[in-house]
């Protein structure tokens, strides 16, 4: 058995998330500016003859090792596309809350694909790697490179990466889950029904920090209202973050229940996180960097 390496499965953050409409097949077309936090799960791979997965970490107990696990699914999808794929034993350290709107399972699958690509001397832009990512889940393709970019469709269409200014943030999850299918059902778009909300703002690689913040503020998360109706704790987090003096913008990520607040500096974000931890020890709270 040979050690392959470790990979960080960085948390995926939807700075914007616009629903353009619901397609005839029932899926929703999205347009979203995605970035990644400087924190996440960690995955290690040891080469071996059989595929296996073990899990540890603060959120390990809530995660099952079964056929639906994204790491195992991604590996099987790549096996079906690459003859004699070298595999092995994965170990996941699960630090992100589950069903939290941060793409934890998708990021884990993408990190596993990166390790398998390394082991098998495949480039990340190999069509077989990206096809395996698409077959594993809607958010997996954008997590393969984990770089800021616009994600479209159901996640299968990615614009070129954007070299955006860094953003200082606090992530807060009230230790409540928010199921994506239930949020979409609550939104209630009929098959074939388009959205009539304003269009997505334009983001470019040459944006200043102020221009970026202005464009993010112009956008929205179209899942937020429905998620709050199903899980009111999200609104409590959102309102609490918004009352902090240095907070520049508050928004839910993905389908929830994680909310992020943007701050002017690393120090301001760290102070905000410290204050929130003292006031709400029952919440999951992290200061971090987006980019």
Protein backbone atom coordinates (compact mmCIF):
# COMPACT_ATOMS: atom_id res chain seq x y z
CA UNK A 1 0.00 0.00 0.00
CA UNK A 2 1.33 3.44 -0.93
CA UNK A 3 0.50 6.84 0.48
CA UNK A 4 -1.02 9.10 -2.20
CA UNK A 5 -1.60 12.30 -0.23
CA UNK A 6 -4.16 14.61 1.33
CA UNK A 7 -6.60 17.06 -0.21
CA UNK A 8 -8.58 19.89 1.37
CA UNK A 9 -12.29 19.88 0.50
CA UNK A 10 -12.88 23.62 0.80
CA UNK A 11 -16.37 24.84 1.69
CA UNK A 12 -18.31 26.11 -1.34
CA UNK A 13 -20.04 29.46 -0.82
CA UNK A 14 -22.74 30.89 -3.07
CA UNK A 15 -22.18 34.64 -2.96
CA UNK A 16 -25.21 34.92 -5.25
CA UNK A 17 -27.73 32.29 -6.29
CA UNK A 18 -30.37 33.22 -8.88
CA UNK A 19 -33.01 30.74 -10.02
CA UNK A 20 -33.68 31.44 -13.71
CA UNK A 21 -36.61 29.04 -13.90
CA UNK A 22 -37.65 25.41 -13.73
CA UNK A 23 -37.06 23.23 -16.74
CA UNK A 24 -39.46 20.76 -18.28
CA UNK A 25 -37.49 17.88 -16.74
CA UNK A 26 -38.06 19.30 -13.25
CA UNK A 27 -34.56 20.61 -12.65
CA UNK A 28 -33.95 24.29 -11.86
CA UNK A 29 -31.61 26.44 -13.96
CA UNK A 30 -29.33 28.52 -11.77
CA UNK A 31 -26.80 31.32 -12.13
CA UNK A 32 -24.50 31.65 -9.16
CA UNK A 33 -21.23 33.34 -8.24
CA UNK A 34 -19.39 30.66 -6.29
CA UNK A 35 -16.31 31.13 -4.14
CA UNK A 36 -14.51 28.93 -1.62
CA UNK A 37 -13.63 29.38 2.04
CA UNK A 38 -10.20 28.78 3.53
CA UNK A 39 -11.60 25.89 5.59
CA UNK A 40 -13.27 22.58 4.93
CA UNK A 41 -13.03 18.82 5.30
CA UNK A 42 -9.81 16.89 4.71
CA UNK A 43 -9.42 13.67 2.71
CA UNK A 44 -6.47 11.28 2.55
CA UNK A 45 -5.90 8.38 0.15
CA UNK A 46 -3.73 5.29 0.52
CA UNK A 47 -3.46 3.19 -2.63
CA UNK A 48 -4.72 -0.35 -2.31
CA UNK A 49 -6.55 -3.11 -4.17
CA UNK A 50 -9.99 -2.36 -2.74
CA UNK A 51 -12.09 0.79 -2.39
CA UNK A 52 -12.99 1.74 1.18
CA UNK A 53 -13.81 4.80 3.27
CA UNK A 54 -13.41 5.62 6.95
CA UNK A 55 -14.60 8.81 8.62
CA UNK A 56 -13.57 10.76 11.71
CA UNK A 57 -14.01 14.32 12.93
CA UNK A 58 -16.65 16.32 14.80
CA UNK A 59 -19.44 15.57 12.29
CA UNK A 60 -18.47 11.99 11.47
CA UNK A 61 -21.34 10.40 13.41
CA UNK A 62 -23.94 12.03 11.17
CA UNK A 63 -22.43 10.67 7.95
CA UNK A 64 -22.99 7.14 6.68
CA UNK A 65 -20.56 5.05 4.67
CA UNK A 66 -22.96 3.61 2.09
CA UNK A 67 -23.54 3.51 -1.67
CA UNK A 68 -24.84 7.09 -1.65
CA UNK A 69 -21.65 8.54 -0.17
CA UNK A 70 -20.29 11.12 -2.61
CA UNK A 71 -16.65 10.00 -2.26
CA UNK A 72 -17.48 6.40 -3.14
CA UNK A 73 -19.90 7.47 -5.88
CA UNK A 74 -17.29 9.73 -7.51
CA UNK A 75 -14.74 6.92 -7.44
CA UNK A 76 -17.16 4.47 -9.06
CA UNK A 77 -18.04 7.04 -11.73
CA UNK A 78 -14.37 7.52 -12.56
CA UNK A 79 -13.79 3.74 -12.51
CA UNK A 80 -16.49 3.36 -15.16
CA UNK A 81 -14.61 5.81 -17.41
CA UNK A 82 -10.95 4.92 -16.78
CA UNK A 83 -9.84 1.34 -17.38
CA UNK A 84 -7.85 -0.24 -14.53
CA UNK A 85 -8.19 2.86 -12.35
CA UNK A 86 -5.89 2.67 -9.35
CA UNK A 87 -7.93 3.17 -6.16
CA UNK A 88 -7.52 2.57 -2.43
CA UNK A 89 -8.59 3.52 1.06
CA UNK A 90 -9.98 7.01 1.68
CA UNK A 91 -10.15 8.63 5.08
CA UNK A 92 -12.38 11.66 5.57
CA UNK A 93 -12.03 14.11 8.47
CA UNK A 94 -15.50 15.66 8.55
CA UNK A 95 -15.44 19.17 10.02
CA UNK A 96 -18.23 20.89 8.07
CA UNK A 97 -21.85 20.51 9.22
CA UNK A 98 -24.00 18.30 7.00
CA UNK A 99 -26.75 19.70 4.72
CA UNK A 100 -25.42 23.17 5.45
CA UNK A 101 -25.41 24.90 2.04
CA UNK A 102 -21.61 24.76 1.82
CA UNK A 103 -21.39 21.85 -0.61
CA UNK A 104 -19.59 19.60 1.87
CA UNK A 105 -20.41 16.31 0.17
CA UNK A 106 -19.70 17.76 -3.26
CA UNK A 107 -16.38 19.23 -2.10
CA UNK A 108 -15.47 15.85 -0.58
CA UNK A 109 -16.23 14.09 -3.88
CA UNK A 110 -14.18 16.65 -5.83
CA UNK A 111 -11.23 16.26 -3.45
CA UNK A 112 -11.42 12.50 -3.91
CA UNK A 113 -11.33 12.98 -7.68
CA UNK A 114 -8.25 15.19 -7.35
CA UNK A 115 -6.47 12.48 -5.35
CA UNK A 116 -7.48 9.79 -7.85
CA UNK A 117 -6.32 12.00 -10.71
CA UNK A 118 -2.95 12.41 -8.99
CA UNK A 119 -2.63 8.65 -8.41
CA UNK A 120 -3.55 7.85 -12.02
CA UNK A 121 -1.61 10.71 -13.68
CA UNK A 122 -4.77 12.37 -15.01
CA UNK A 123 -5.15 16.11 -15.48
CA UNK A 124 -8.11 17.79 -13.79
CA UNK A 125 -9.42 18.98 -17.15
CA UNK A 126 -9.45 15.41 -18.47
CA UNK A 127 -13.02 14.97 -19.82
CA UNK A 128 -13.33 11.69 -17.92
CA UNK A 129 -12.64 13.43 -14.59
CA UNK A 130 -15.16 16.19 -15.29
CA UNK A 131 -17.76 13.71 -16.59
CA UNK A 132 -17.37 11.71 -13.38
CA UNK A 133 -17.82 14.93 -11.38
CA UNK A 134 -21.02 15.83 -13.28
CA UNK A 135 -22.41 12.32 -12.79
CA UNK A 136 -21.73 12.47 -9.05
CA UNK A 137 -23.64 15.65 -8.25
CA UNK A 138 -24.60 19.13 -9.44
CA UNK A 139 -22.07 21.02 -7.29
CA UNK A 140 -19.15 18.64 -7.81
CA UNK A 141 -17.75 20.14 -11.08
CA UNK A 142 -17.26 23.63 -9.59
CA UNK A 143 -15.50 22.09 -6.58
CA UNK A 144 -12.90 20.20 -8.66
CA UNK A 145 -10.66 23.26 -9.03
CA UNK A 146 -12.30 25.16 -6.12
CA UNK A 147 -11.79 28.58 -7.73
CA UNK A 148 -14.24 31.53 -7.84
CA UNK A 149 -16.41 31.47 -10.95
CA UNK A 150 -19.95 31.68 -12.27
CA UNK A 151 -21.83 28.37 -12.22
CA UNK A 152 -24.78 27.92 -14.57
CA UNK A 153 -27.50 25.42 -15.42
CA UNK A 154 -27.70 22.76 -12.72
CA UNK A 155 -23.97 23.20 -12.14
CA UNK A 156 -22.66 21.55 -15.29
CA UNK A 157 -21.71 24.80 -17.06
CA UNK A 158 -18.79 26.74 -15.61
CA UNK A 159 -17.45 30.11 -16.73
CA UNK A 160 -13.72 30.77 -16.65
CA UNK A 161 -12.27 31.23 -13.14
CA UNK A 162 -12.35 34.77 -11.73
CA UNK A 163 -9.40 36.27 -9.89
CA UNK A 164 -11.53 38.19 -7.39
CA UNK A 165 -10.39 40.27 -4.42
CA UNK A 166 -10.24 38.37 -1.13
CA UNK A 167 -13.23 38.71 1.17
CA UNK A 168 -13.13 38.39 4.96
CA UNK A 169 -16.10 36.51 6.35
CA UNK A 170 -17.81 34.84 9.26
CA UNK A 171 -19.74 31.63 8.62
CA UNK A 172 -22.58 30.74 10.99
CA UNK A 173 -24.66 27.58 11.02
CA UNK A 174 -27.35 27.19 13.71
CA UNK A 175 -26.82 23.41 13.73
CA UNK A 176 -29.99 22.99 11.70
CA UNK A 177 -30.24 21.13 8.41
CA UNK A 178 -31.87 22.53 5.28
CA UNK A 179 -32.75 19.98 2.60
CA UNK A 180 -32.36 21.28 -0.96
CA UNK A 181 -35.33 19.32 -2.45
CA UNK A 182 -37.64 20.66 0.26
CA UNK A 183 -36.50 24.25 -0.38
CA UNK A 184 -37.07 23.91 -4.12
CA UNK A 185 -40.52 22.43 -3.43
CA UNK A 186 -41.34 25.37 -1.14
CA UNK A 187 -40.36 27.83 -3.89
CA UNK A 188 -43.02 26.13 -5.97
CA UNK A 189 -42.07 26.88 -9.57
CA UNK A 190 -44.06 24.79 -12.04
CA UNK A 191 -42.26 22.78 -14.74
CA UNK A 192 -41.35 25.11 -17.57
CA UNK A 193 -42.00 28.23 -15.49
CA UNK A 194 -39.36 31.00 -15.79
CA UNK A 195 -38.34 33.38 -13.03
CA UNK A 196 -39.51 36.96 -13.35
CA UNK A 197 -36.98 38.41 -10.94
CA UNK A 198 -34.17 40.82 -11.97
CA UNK A 199 -31.24 39.36 -13.88
CA UNK A 200 -27.92 38.33 -12.35
CA UNK A 201 -25.27 41.05 -11.90
CA UNK A 202 -22.13 40.95 -14.04
CA UNK A 203 -18.83 39.93 -12.45
CA UNK A 204 -15.43 40.40 -14.06
CA UNK A 205 -11.89 39.42 -13.13
CA UNK A 206 -10.76 43.05 -12.89
CA UNK A 207 -13.23 44.12 -10.19
CA UNK A 208 -12.10 46.14 -7.19
CA UNK A 209 -13.24 45.04 -3.75
CA UNK A 210 -15.87 47.79 -3.62
CA UNK A 211 -17.18 46.92 -7.09
CA UNK A 212 -17.34 43.26 -6.10
CA UNK A 213 -19.26 44.01 -2.91
CA UNK A 214 -21.65 46.27 -4.81
CA UNK A 215 -22.36 43.57 -7.39
CA UNK A 216 -22.88 40.91 -4.71
CA UNK A 217 -25.32 43.23 -2.94
CA UNK A 218 -27.16 43.75 -6.23
CA UNK A 219 -27.64 39.98 -6.45
CA UNK A 220 -29.54 37.71 -4.09
CA UNK A 221 -30.11 34.12 -3.00
CA UNK A 222 -33.47 33.04 -4.41
CA UNK A 223 -33.60 30.08 -2.01
CA UNK A 224 -33.32 32.18 1.12
CA UNK A 225 -36.99 33.06 1.69
CA UNK A 226 -38.18 29.48 1.22
CA UNK A 227 -35.39 28.09 3.42
CA UNK A 228 -36.30 30.52 6.22
CA UNK A 229 -39.96 29.51 5.99
CA UNK A 230 -38.88 25.89 6.55
CA UNK A 231 -36.12 26.65 9.06
CA UNK A 232 -36.73 29.96 10.95
CA UNK A 233 -33.37 29.67 12.76
CA UNK A 234 -31.73 30.87 9.53
CA UNK A 235 -33.44 34.23 9.90
CA UNK A 236 -32.26 34.53 13.51
CA UNK A 237 -28.68 34.00 12.33
CA UNK A 238 -29.13 36.46 9.49
CA UNK A 239 -30.58 39.18 11.73
CA UNK A 240 -27.92 38.63 14.40
CA UNK A 241 -25.08 39.00 11.89
CA UNK A 242 -26.68 42.10 10.37
CA UNK A 243 -26.65 43.89 13.74
CA UNK A 244 -22.86 43.69 14.06
CA UNK A 245 -21.41 47.17 13.41
CA UNK A 246 -18.66 46.13 10.98
CA UNK A 247 -20.77 43.70 8.94
CA UNK A 248 -21.01 44.82 5.30
CA UNK A 249 -23.38 42.21 3.86
CA UNK A 250 -25.30 39.15 5.08
CA UNK A 251 -26.61 36.29 2.95
CA UNK A 252 -27.44 32.61 3.12
CA UNK A 253 -25.27 30.18 1.14
CA UNK A 254 -26.82 27.53 -1.09
CA UNK A 255 -30.05 26.12 0.29
CA UNK A 256 -28.95 26.87 3.86
CA UNK A 257 -28.76 26.71 6.74
CA UNK A 258 -25.32 28.41 6.77
CA UNK A 259 -25.26 32.21 6.60
CA UNK A 260 -22.20 34.34 5.88
CA UNK A 261 -21.38 37.89 6.88
CA UNK A 262 -18.71 39.93 5.06
CA UNK A 263 -16.33 42.17 7.04
CA UNK A 264 -13.71 44.79 6.13
CA UNK A 265 -10.71 42.94 7.59
CA UNK A 266 -9.45 39.70 9.08
CA UNK A 267 -9.39 41.35 12.51
CA UNK A 268 -13.01 42.53 12.21
CA UNK A 269 -14.15 39.05 11.17
CA UNK A 270 -12.24 37.42 14.02
CA UNK A 271 -13.72 39.85 16.57
CA UNK A 272 -17.23 39.21 15.22
CA UNK A 273 -16.76 35.45 15.45
CA UNK A 274 -15.47 35.71 19.01
CA UNK A 275 -18.47 37.84 20.03
CA UNK A 276 -20.95 35.47 18.37
CA UNK A 277 -19.40 32.38 19.97
CA UNK A 278 -19.83 33.94 23.40
CA UNK A 279 -23.42 35.00 22.68
CA UNK A 280 -24.44 31.80 20.85
CA UNK A 281 -22.33 28.84 21.97
CA UNK A 282 -24.92 26.51 20.40
CA UNK A 283 -24.06 27.71 16.87
CA UNK A 284 -21.22 26.57 14.56
CA UNK A 285 -19.20 29.76 13.93
CA UNK A 286 -15.98 30.26 11.96
CA UNK A 287 -14.11 33.32 10.73
CA UNK A 288 -12.46 32.69 7.38
CA UNK A 289 -11.31 34.06 4.04
CA UNK A 290 -13.15 33.72 0.71
CA UNK A 291 -11.22 33.50 -2.52
